N, C-alpha and C. Protein backbone atom coordinates (compact mmCIF):
# COMPACT_ATOMS: atom_id res chain seq x y z
N MET A 1 -34.35 14.47 -3.52
CA MET A 1 -33.93 15.13 -2.85
C MET A 1 -32.72 15.89 -3.72
N ARG A 2 -32.77 16.86 -3.14
CA ARG A 2 -32.02 18.03 -4.19
C ARG A 2 -30.70 18.59 -3.22
N LEU A 3 -29.55 18.17 -3.85
CA LEU A 3 -28.53 18.95 -3.33
C LEU A 3 -28.22 20.30 -3.97
N ARG A 4 -28.19 21.27 -3.28
CA ARG A 4 -28.12 22.68 -3.92
C ARG A 4 -27.09 23.29 -3.30
N ARG A 5 -26.27 24.07 -4.04
CA ARG A 5 -25.00 24.81 -3.92
C ARG A 5 -23.94 23.96 -3.29
N VAL A 6 -23.43 24.06 -1.90
CA VAL A 6 -22.51 23.50 -1.52
C VAL A 6 -23.45 22.71 -0.25
N ALA A 7 -23.39 21.52 -0.41
CA ALA A 7 -24.39 20.79 0.59
C ALA A 7 -23.81 19.26 0.77
N ARG A 8 -24.08 18.73 1.61
CA ARG A 8 -23.71 17.55 2.21
C ARG A 8 -24.74 16.46 3.08
N LEU A 9 -25.10 15.50 2.56
CA LEU A 9 -25.95 14.63 3.50
C LEU A 9 -25.20 13.31 3.71
N ARG A 10 -25.11 13.30 5.10
CA ARG A 10 -24.32 11.99 5.29
C ARG A 10 -25.30 10.92 6.53
N SER A 11 -24.92 10.04 6.34
CA SER A 11 -25.76 8.86 7.36
C SER A 11 -25.39 9.09 8.59
N ARG A 12 -24.23 9.60 8.98
CA ARG A 12 -23.48 9.92 10.05
C ARG A 12 -22.95 8.40 10.87
N PRO A 13 -22.22 8.43 11.43
CA PRO A 13 -21.67 7.02 12.15
C PRO A 13 -22.57 6.94 13.39
N ARG A 14 -22.78 5.70 13.20
CA ARG A 14 -23.67 4.97 14.47
C ARG A 14 -25.05 5.03 13.83
N GLU A 15 -25.59 5.83 13.31
CA GLU A 15 -26.97 6.05 13.03
C GLU A 15 -27.29 5.10 11.70
N LEU A 16 -26.19 5.26 10.57
CA LEU A 16 -26.35 4.00 9.61
C LEU A 16 -25.19 3.76 9.08
N ASP A 17 -24.21 3.02 10.03
CA ASP A 17 -23.02 2.90 9.29
C ASP A 17 -23.33 1.16 9.19
N PHE A 18 -22.39 0.52 8.35
CA PHE A 18 -22.43 -1.05 8.21
C PHE A 18 -21.14 -1.65 7.47
N THR A 19 -20.99 -2.55 7.42
CA THR A 19 -19.73 -3.17 6.78
C THR A 19 -20.28 -4.19 5.72
N TYR A 20 -20.30 -4.06 4.55
CA TYR A 20 -20.53 -5.12 3.50
C TYR A 20 -21.77 -4.87 2.84
N GLY A 21 -21.88 -5.25 1.65
CA GLY A 21 -23.28 -4.84 0.87
C GLY A 21 -23.23 -4.42 -0.50
N ARG A 22 -24.38 -3.72 -0.90
CA ARG A 22 -24.41 -3.04 -2.08
C ARG A 22 -24.86 -1.92 -1.56
N VAL A 23 -24.25 -0.39 -1.98
CA VAL A 23 -25.01 0.75 -1.85
C VAL A 23 -24.85 1.41 -3.14
N SER A 24 -26.02 1.87 -3.59
CA SER A 24 -26.39 2.56 -4.61
C SER A 24 -27.26 3.83 -4.72
N ALA A 25 -27.12 4.49 -5.70
CA ALA A 25 -27.96 5.98 -5.92
C ALA A 25 -28.36 5.89 -7.09
N ARG A 26 -29.68 6.47 -7.58
CA ARG A 26 -29.88 6.81 -8.75
C ARG A 26 -29.73 8.42 -9.24
N MET A 27 -28.97 9.09 -9.64
CA MET A 27 -28.49 10.30 -9.55
C MET A 27 -28.45 11.11 -11.22
N LYS A 28 -28.51 12.54 -11.05
CA LYS A 28 -28.56 13.37 -12.13
C LYS A 28 -27.54 14.81 -11.72
N LEU A 29 -26.48 14.46 -12.35
CA LEU A 29 -25.46 15.17 -11.86
C LEU A 29 -25.26 16.73 -12.68
N PRO A 30 -24.62 17.76 -11.94
CA PRO A 30 -24.96 19.16 -12.97
C PRO A 30 -23.53 18.97 -13.79
N VAL A 31 -23.59 19.73 -14.74
CA VAL A 31 -22.55 19.95 -15.72
C VAL A 31 -21.91 21.17 -15.89
N GLY A 32 -20.39 21.39 -15.64
CA GLY A 32 -19.98 22.75 -15.92
C GLY A 32 -18.85 23.04 -14.87
N ASP A 33 -17.88 24.00 -15.36
CA ASP A 33 -17.01 24.24 -14.68
C ASP A 33 -16.95 24.44 -13.05
N GLY A 34 -16.24 23.99 -12.16
CA GLY A 34 -16.52 24.21 -10.49
C GLY A 34 -17.35 23.12 -9.77
N TYR A 35 -18.39 22.55 -10.46
CA TYR A 35 -19.23 21.50 -9.93
C TYR A 35 -18.39 20.39 -9.50
N TRP A 36 -18.52 19.78 -8.27
CA TRP A 36 -17.93 18.69 -7.83
C TRP A 36 -18.80 17.42 -6.87
N PRO A 37 -19.84 17.22 -7.46
CA PRO A 37 -20.82 16.33 -6.87
C PRO A 37 -20.02 14.81 -6.53
N ALA A 38 -20.26 13.80 -5.45
CA ALA A 38 -19.69 12.91 -5.13
C ALA A 38 -20.66 12.09 -4.27
N PHE A 39 -20.58 10.99 -3.93
CA PHE A 39 -21.14 9.75 -3.64
C PHE A 39 -20.29 8.93 -2.86
N TRP A 40 -20.02 8.80 -1.67
CA TRP A 40 -19.16 7.98 -1.04
C TRP A 40 -19.11 7.48 0.11
N LEU A 41 -18.55 6.58 0.79
CA LEU A 41 -18.62 6.00 1.79
C LEU A 41 -17.25 6.06 2.74
N LEU A 42 -17.02 6.72 3.87
CA LEU A 42 -16.07 6.95 4.85
C LEU A 42 -15.94 6.24 6.12
N GLY A 43 -14.82 5.81 6.20
CA GLY A 43 -14.87 4.97 7.78
C GLY A 43 -15.34 5.65 8.82
N SER A 44 -16.01 4.92 9.73
CA SER A 44 -16.84 5.57 10.67
C SER A 44 -15.71 5.61 11.82
N ASP A 45 -14.61 5.38 11.70
CA ASP A 45 -13.46 5.64 12.63
C ASP A 45 -12.69 6.37 12.30
N VAL A 46 -12.87 7.45 11.24
CA VAL A 46 -12.39 8.70 10.87
C VAL A 46 -11.96 9.63 11.74
N ASP A 47 -12.79 9.73 12.97
CA ASP A 47 -12.71 10.99 14.03
C ASP A 47 -11.73 10.43 15.16
N ASP A 48 -11.26 9.15 15.10
CA ASP A 48 -10.40 8.67 16.03
C ASP A 48 -9.18 9.00 15.71
N PRO A 49 -8.33 9.74 16.48
CA PRO A 49 -7.24 10.42 16.38
C PRO A 49 -6.07 9.01 16.15
N SER A 50 -6.47 8.25 16.69
CA SER A 50 -5.30 6.85 16.49
C SER A 50 -5.71 6.39 14.90
N VAL A 51 -6.50 6.85 14.47
CA VAL A 51 -7.03 6.21 13.09
C VAL A 51 -6.86 7.21 12.10
N SER A 52 -7.58 8.00 12.29
CA SER A 52 -7.92 9.20 11.22
C SER A 52 -7.95 8.77 9.57
N TRP A 53 -8.05 9.89 8.65
CA TRP A 53 -7.87 9.57 7.38
C TRP A 53 -6.57 9.53 6.74
N PRO A 54 -6.17 8.61 5.85
CA PRO A 54 -6.99 7.82 5.09
C PRO A 54 -6.94 6.12 5.60
N SER A 55 -6.22 5.89 6.90
CA SER A 55 -6.56 4.78 7.56
C SER A 55 -7.82 4.21 7.79
N SER A 56 -8.59 5.08 7.75
CA SER A 56 -10.21 4.80 8.09
C SER A 56 -10.62 4.28 6.94
N GLY A 57 -10.28 4.54 5.63
CA GLY A 57 -10.77 4.24 4.41
C GLY A 57 -11.79 5.06 3.90
N GLU A 58 -11.63 5.24 2.45
CA GLU A 58 -12.42 5.76 1.75
C GLU A 58 -13.08 5.16 0.63
N THR A 59 -14.24 5.02 0.26
CA THR A 59 -14.74 4.26 -0.93
C THR A 59 -15.58 5.33 -1.78
N ASP A 60 -15.04 6.06 -3.08
CA ASP A 60 -15.78 6.84 -3.81
C ASP A 60 -16.50 6.11 -4.82
N ILE A 61 -17.89 5.98 -4.75
CA ILE A 61 -18.64 5.49 -5.47
C ILE A 61 -18.64 5.93 -6.99
N MET A 62 -18.95 7.49 -6.86
CA MET A 62 -18.98 8.32 -7.90
C MET A 62 -18.60 9.31 -7.57
N GLU A 63 -17.70 10.08 -8.44
CA GLU A 63 -17.19 11.62 -8.20
C GLU A 63 -17.03 12.06 -9.77
N ASN A 64 -17.59 13.52 -9.79
CA ASN A 64 -17.32 14.11 -11.10
C ASN A 64 -17.04 15.53 -10.72
N ILE A 65 -16.13 16.02 -11.83
CA ILE A 65 -15.78 17.46 -11.53
C ILE A 65 -16.20 18.25 -12.79
N GLY A 66 -17.68 18.28 -13.18
CA GLY A 66 -18.18 18.99 -14.03
C GLY A 66 -18.36 18.53 -15.28
N TYR A 67 -17.54 17.34 -15.83
CA TYR A 67 -17.48 16.86 -17.23
C TYR A 67 -18.64 16.31 -17.42
N ALA A 68 -19.41 16.26 -18.57
CA ALA A 68 -20.58 15.69 -19.09
C ALA A 68 -20.55 14.22 -19.32
N ASP A 69 -19.01 13.96 -19.92
CA ASP A 69 -19.22 12.57 -20.39
C ASP A 69 -18.40 11.24 -19.51
N TRP A 70 -18.01 11.61 -18.30
CA TRP A 70 -17.14 10.57 -17.24
C TRP A 70 -17.51 11.16 -15.90
N THR A 71 -17.30 9.93 -14.99
CA THR A 71 -17.18 9.90 -13.66
C THR A 71 -16.27 8.98 -13.05
N SER A 72 -15.51 9.23 -11.88
CA SER A 72 -14.36 8.29 -11.60
C SER A 72 -15.07 7.50 -10.37
N SER A 73 -14.45 6.28 -9.96
CA SER A 73 -14.70 5.52 -8.41
C SER A 73 -13.11 5.41 -7.98
N ALA A 74 -13.10 5.54 -6.64
CA ALA A 74 -11.66 5.22 -6.21
C ALA A 74 -11.82 4.90 -4.85
N LEU A 75 -10.65 4.07 -4.50
CA LEU A 75 -10.64 3.62 -2.94
C LEU A 75 -8.91 4.34 -2.52
N HIS A 76 -9.25 4.58 -1.32
CA HIS A 76 -8.20 5.80 -0.68
C HIS A 76 -7.83 4.99 0.93
N GLY A 77 -6.88 4.55 0.98
CA GLY A 77 -6.36 3.99 2.27
C GLY A 77 -4.88 4.37 2.68
N PRO A 78 -4.17 3.74 3.56
CA PRO A 78 -2.60 4.21 3.71
C PRO A 78 -1.97 3.65 2.35
N GLY A 79 -1.15 4.77 1.83
CA GLY A 79 -0.38 4.24 0.79
C GLY A 79 -0.64 4.28 -0.47
N TYR A 80 -2.20 4.64 -0.39
CA TYR A 80 -2.94 4.79 -1.62
C TYR A 80 -4.21 5.95 -1.68
N SER A 81 -3.82 7.03 -1.43
CA SER A 81 -4.72 8.12 -1.10
C SER A 81 -4.28 9.31 -1.93
N ALA A 82 -5.49 10.18 -2.21
CA ALA A 82 -5.31 11.35 -2.80
C ALA A 82 -4.99 11.11 -4.37
N ASP A 83 -3.98 11.92 -4.83
CA ASP A 83 -3.94 11.27 -6.40
C ASP A 83 -3.12 10.02 -6.46
N GLY A 84 -2.74 9.48 -5.47
CA GLY A 84 -2.18 7.92 -5.37
C GLY A 84 -3.43 6.87 -5.04
N ASN A 85 -4.51 7.31 -5.59
CA ASN A 85 -5.74 6.32 -5.30
C ASN A 85 -5.52 5.31 -6.15
N ILE A 86 -6.57 4.39 -5.78
CA ILE A 86 -6.86 3.01 -6.84
C ILE A 86 -8.04 3.74 -7.29
N GLY A 87 -7.92 4.15 -8.55
CA GLY A 87 -9.10 4.37 -9.13
C GLY A 87 -9.34 4.37 -10.61
N ALA A 88 -10.76 4.67 -11.08
CA ALA A 88 -10.93 4.25 -12.64
C ALA A 88 -11.63 5.29 -13.08
N ARG A 89 -11.64 5.78 -14.01
CA ARG A 89 -12.48 6.58 -14.94
C ARG A 89 -13.48 6.10 -15.88
N GLN A 90 -14.87 6.29 -15.99
CA GLN A 90 -15.65 5.38 -16.43
C GLN A 90 -16.32 6.36 -17.63
N ILE A 91 -16.31 6.13 -18.96
CA ILE A 91 -17.04 6.74 -19.77
C ILE A 91 -18.63 6.51 -20.25
N TYR A 92 -19.51 7.39 -20.04
CA TYR A 92 -20.72 6.62 -20.42
C TYR A 92 -20.71 6.34 -22.10
N PRO A 93 -21.24 4.71 -22.15
CA PRO A 93 -21.23 4.60 -23.63
C PRO A 93 -22.54 5.11 -24.37
N GLY A 94 -22.39 4.91 -25.57
CA GLY A 94 -23.74 5.46 -26.36
C GLY A 94 -23.96 6.97 -26.37
N GLY A 95 -23.12 8.04 -26.00
CA GLY A 95 -23.08 9.36 -25.89
C GLY A 95 -23.74 9.85 -24.77
N GLY A 96 -24.26 9.02 -23.82
CA GLY A 96 -24.58 8.97 -22.48
C GLY A 96 -24.03 10.50 -21.64
N ARG A 97 -24.83 10.80 -20.58
CA ARG A 97 -23.86 12.17 -20.29
C ARG A 97 -24.41 12.17 -18.50
N ALA A 98 -23.54 12.75 -17.94
CA ALA A 98 -23.67 12.87 -16.02
C ALA A 98 -24.98 13.53 -16.06
N ASP A 99 -25.34 14.60 -16.48
CA ASP A 99 -26.57 14.93 -16.36
C ASP A 99 -28.03 14.62 -16.90
N GLN A 100 -27.94 12.97 -17.27
CA GLN A 100 -29.12 12.21 -17.20
C GLN A 100 -29.09 11.40 -16.18
N TRP A 101 -29.97 10.47 -15.79
CA TRP A 101 -30.43 9.75 -14.75
C TRP A 101 -29.46 8.51 -15.20
N HIS A 102 -28.46 8.01 -13.94
CA HIS A 102 -27.60 6.93 -13.90
C HIS A 102 -27.94 6.25 -12.53
N THR A 103 -27.53 4.93 -12.41
CA THR A 103 -27.29 4.39 -11.06
C THR A 103 -25.99 4.02 -10.81
N TYR A 104 -25.44 4.59 -9.50
CA TYR A 104 -24.32 4.40 -9.13
C TYR A 104 -24.01 3.53 -8.00
N ALA A 105 -23.06 2.38 -8.13
CA ALA A 105 -23.17 1.59 -7.00
C ALA A 105 -21.75 0.71 -6.91
N VAL A 106 -21.51 0.29 -5.53
CA VAL A 106 -20.43 -0.40 -5.37
C VAL A 106 -21.03 -1.66 -4.31
N GLU A 107 -20.14 -2.75 -4.76
CA GLU A 107 -20.94 -4.12 -4.18
C GLU A 107 -19.35 -4.37 -3.39
N TRP A 108 -19.45 -4.57 -1.92
CA TRP A 108 -18.62 -4.36 -1.29
C TRP A 108 -18.48 -5.52 -0.34
N THR A 109 -17.41 -6.43 -0.57
CA THR A 109 -17.35 -7.73 0.43
C THR A 109 -16.08 -7.74 1.04
N PRO A 110 -16.03 -8.81 1.84
CA PRO A 110 -14.73 -9.10 2.60
C PRO A 110 -13.43 -8.98 1.56
N THR A 111 -13.73 -9.94 0.33
CA THR A 111 -12.65 -10.10 -0.58
C THR A 111 -12.47 -9.01 -1.69
N GLY A 112 -13.08 -7.75 -1.65
CA GLY A 112 -13.14 -6.87 -2.90
C GLY A 112 -14.39 -5.74 -3.00
N MET A 113 -13.88 -5.03 -3.86
CA MET A 113 -14.93 -3.89 -4.21
C MET A 113 -15.19 -3.98 -5.72
N ARG A 114 -16.62 -4.18 -5.92
CA ARG A 114 -16.95 -3.90 -7.45
C ARG A 114 -17.54 -2.54 -7.88
N PHE A 115 -17.26 -1.76 -8.43
CA PHE A 115 -17.98 -0.45 -8.88
C PHE A 115 -18.86 -0.66 -10.00
N LEU A 116 -20.03 0.01 -10.20
CA LEU A 116 -21.11 -0.36 -11.22
C LEU A 116 -21.66 1.30 -11.83
N VAL A 117 -22.00 1.12 -13.02
CA VAL A 117 -22.48 2.68 -13.31
C VAL A 117 -23.55 1.72 -14.28
N ASP A 118 -25.17 1.98 -13.88
CA ASP A 118 -26.27 1.42 -14.43
C ASP A 118 -25.72 -0.13 -14.84
N ASP A 119 -25.30 -0.88 -13.79
CA ASP A 119 -25.15 -2.11 -13.84
C ASP A 119 -24.19 -2.60 -14.46
N ARG A 120 -23.21 -1.90 -14.97
CA ARG A 120 -22.05 -2.24 -16.19
C ARG A 120 -20.90 -1.89 -14.97
N VAL A 121 -20.06 -3.13 -14.96
CA VAL A 121 -19.01 -3.03 -13.87
C VAL A 121 -17.82 -1.99 -14.62
N VAL A 122 -17.39 -1.07 -13.88
CA VAL A 122 -16.55 -0.33 -14.17
C VAL A 122 -15.12 -0.11 -13.69
N GLN A 123 -15.09 -0.91 -12.68
CA GLN A 123 -13.77 -0.96 -12.06
C GLN A 123 -13.80 -1.98 -10.86
N GLU A 124 -12.77 -2.88 -10.77
CA GLU A 124 -12.86 -3.86 -9.76
C GLU A 124 -11.50 -4.19 -9.12
N THR A 125 -11.57 -4.21 -7.64
CA THR A 125 -10.28 -4.36 -6.83
C THR A 125 -10.79 -5.35 -5.86
N SER A 126 -9.66 -6.48 -5.98
CA SER A 126 -9.71 -7.67 -4.83
C SER A 126 -8.49 -7.02 -3.68
N ARG A 127 -9.12 -7.50 -2.64
CA ARG A 127 -8.22 -7.72 -1.56
C ARG A 127 -6.83 -8.00 -1.57
N ASN A 128 -6.84 -9.23 -2.20
CA ASN A 128 -5.38 -9.58 -2.22
C ASN A 128 -4.72 -9.07 -3.23
N LYS A 129 -5.08 -8.28 -4.39
CA LYS A 129 -4.29 -7.56 -5.35
C LYS A 129 -3.82 -6.35 -4.58
N LEU A 130 -4.77 -5.64 -3.85
CA LEU A 130 -4.28 -4.24 -3.19
C LEU A 130 -3.53 -4.52 -2.17
N GLU A 131 -3.42 -5.63 -1.39
CA GLU A 131 -2.66 -5.81 -0.37
C GLU A 131 -1.09 -6.38 -0.77
N SER A 132 -1.12 -6.97 -2.13
CA SER A 132 0.01 -7.18 -2.71
C SER A 132 0.85 -6.26 -3.72
N THR A 133 0.01 -5.17 -3.96
CA THR A 133 0.66 -4.41 -4.68
C THR A 133 0.96 -2.71 -4.12
N ARG A 134 -0.17 -2.39 -3.03
CA ARG A 134 -0.57 -1.13 -2.84
C ARG A 134 -0.30 -0.88 -1.48
N GLY A 135 -0.97 -1.90 -0.54
CA GLY A 135 -0.78 -1.48 1.00
C GLY A 135 -2.06 -2.36 1.73
N GLN A 136 -2.14 -1.81 2.89
CA GLN A 136 -3.27 -2.31 3.71
C GLN A 136 -4.60 -2.23 3.46
N TRP A 137 -5.39 -3.28 3.50
CA TRP A 137 -6.79 -3.33 3.19
C TRP A 137 -7.53 -2.57 4.28
N VAL A 138 -8.27 -1.63 4.24
CA VAL A 138 -8.49 -1.02 5.65
C VAL A 138 -10.00 -0.94 5.25
N PHE A 139 -10.84 -2.13 4.74
CA PHE A 139 -12.40 -1.84 4.53
C PHE A 139 -13.23 -3.01 5.16
N GLY A 140 -12.79 -3.46 6.20
CA GLY A 140 -13.04 -4.58 6.98
C GLY A 140 -14.00 -3.92 8.11
N HIS A 141 -14.16 -2.93 8.13
CA HIS A 141 -14.96 -2.50 9.29
C HIS A 141 -16.08 -1.49 8.64
N ASN A 142 -17.02 -0.86 9.67
CA ASN A 142 -18.10 0.12 9.12
C ASN A 142 -17.84 1.26 8.59
N GLN A 143 -18.45 1.84 7.52
CA GLN A 143 -18.22 3.06 6.89
C GLN A 143 -19.98 3.67 6.83
N TYR A 144 -20.01 4.63 6.42
CA TYR A 144 -21.40 5.65 6.62
C TYR A 144 -21.12 6.18 4.82
N VAL A 145 -22.43 6.54 4.65
CA VAL A 145 -22.93 7.02 3.55
C VAL A 145 -22.65 8.62 3.52
N ILE A 146 -22.21 9.36 2.38
CA ILE A 146 -22.22 10.63 1.98
C ILE A 146 -22.38 10.96 0.84
N LEU A 147 -23.49 11.78 0.67
CA LEU A 147 -23.90 12.56 -0.81
C LEU A 147 -23.31 13.87 -0.59
N ASN A 148 -22.62 14.39 -1.81
CA ASN A 148 -22.25 15.95 -1.67
C ASN A 148 -22.27 16.47 -2.90
N LEU A 149 -22.40 17.77 -2.89
CA LEU A 149 -22.16 18.64 -3.76
C LEU A 149 -21.42 20.13 -3.50
N ALA A 150 -19.99 19.81 -3.97
CA ALA A 150 -19.22 20.91 -3.42
C ALA A 150 -19.02 21.93 -4.90
N LEU A 151 -18.62 22.77 -4.60
CA LEU A 151 -18.33 24.11 -6.12
C LEU A 151 -16.73 24.28 -5.59
N GLY A 152 -15.83 24.03 -6.85
CA GLY A 152 -14.57 24.15 -6.61
C GLY A 152 -14.07 23.08 -6.01
N GLY A 153 -12.85 23.38 -5.26
CA GLY A 153 -12.30 22.37 -4.60
C GLY A 153 -10.98 22.09 -4.85
N ALA A 154 -10.33 20.95 -4.26
CA ALA A 154 -8.73 20.79 -4.81
C ALA A 154 -8.80 19.68 -5.68
N TYR A 155 -9.75 18.71 -5.88
CA TYR A 155 -9.63 17.85 -7.09
C TYR A 155 -9.87 18.45 -8.47
N PRO A 156 -9.12 18.17 -9.39
CA PRO A 156 -8.71 19.10 -10.32
C PRO A 156 -9.95 19.79 -10.88
N ALA A 157 -9.52 20.85 -11.13
CA ALA A 157 -10.32 22.26 -11.66
C ALA A 157 -10.80 21.57 -12.85
N GLY A 158 -11.88 21.63 -12.90
CA GLY A 158 -12.29 21.20 -14.29
C GLY A 158 -13.42 22.25 -14.73
N GLY A 159 -29.29 28.60 -8.36
CA GLY A 159 -29.24 27.49 -9.39
C GLY A 159 -28.96 26.09 -9.30
N VAL A 160 -27.16 25.80 -8.84
CA VAL A 160 -26.51 24.54 -9.12
C VAL A 160 -27.19 23.56 -8.05
N GLN A 161 -27.29 22.25 -8.93
CA GLN A 161 -28.14 21.29 -8.13
C GLN A 161 -27.47 19.79 -8.60
N ALA A 162 -27.46 18.85 -7.86
CA ALA A 162 -27.50 17.45 -8.06
C ALA A 162 -28.63 16.55 -7.46
N ASP A 163 -29.47 16.27 -8.43
CA ASP A 163 -30.80 15.32 -8.15
C ASP A 163 -30.46 14.08 -7.73
N VAL A 164 -30.94 13.60 -6.79
CA VAL A 164 -30.80 12.14 -6.14
C VAL A 164 -32.26 11.64 -6.24
N ASP A 165 -32.43 10.61 -6.99
CA ASP A 165 -33.65 9.86 -7.08
C ASP A 165 -33.81 9.12 -5.73
N TRP A 166 -32.86 8.37 -5.46
CA TRP A 166 -32.94 7.24 -4.22
C TRP A 166 -31.54 6.81 -3.96
N VAL A 167 -31.50 6.43 -2.70
CA VAL A 167 -30.14 5.77 -2.06
C VAL A 167 -30.35 4.40 -1.38
N ARG A 168 -29.88 3.59 -1.76
CA ARG A 168 -30.12 2.28 -0.99
C ARG A 168 -28.73 1.54 -0.55
N VAL A 169 -29.21 0.60 0.65
CA VAL A 169 -27.94 0.00 1.00
C VAL A 169 -28.72 -1.35 1.06
N GLU A 170 -28.14 -2.44 0.89
CA GLU A 170 -28.54 -3.98 0.71
C GLU A 170 -27.41 -4.45 1.50
N GLN A 171 -27.46 -5.01 2.76
CA GLN A 171 -26.60 -6.07 3.55
C GLN A 171 -26.88 -7.24 3.16
N LYS A 172 -25.92 -8.13 2.89
CA LYS A 172 -26.16 -9.82 2.50
C LYS A 172 -25.81 -10.55 3.55
N GLY A 173 -26.55 -11.70 3.89
CA GLY A 173 -26.38 -12.58 4.68
C GLY A 173 -27.08 -12.09 6.03
């Protein structure tokens, strides 16, 4: 599938929302100023006015702002959202680039999240550490998948398409 220009593909709540498992996608990203591709999960209760964002939880499996040599992953929740998120930047080893095929994944359990790029762990956050240092763990309920390609936007300014070979959701147990 190809996301062209400003595009979003989401599994929408109640059509494919889930709690826990491994979510992955094989992607090749655009490189250049203004491109903002992302692969993420959003809490299915985000539209509930008594919850909303960031209390619904957001899991950024892969986010990029047009740079060839890195992507980032992050968790957003109450007390740790936007610029204060719990995140990490990963640099591709061996001269790898964002515009080459890579697999981005999160392994989501009741006790934490592990983010991977090409099966290499790039960030790990435990529920215990998050709750003892940053705030409430809001990842114990259903989330749904979003793939998008935006142009510009509020994330640091840094023919357009992002190629997605496949997306996989695997629930354990």
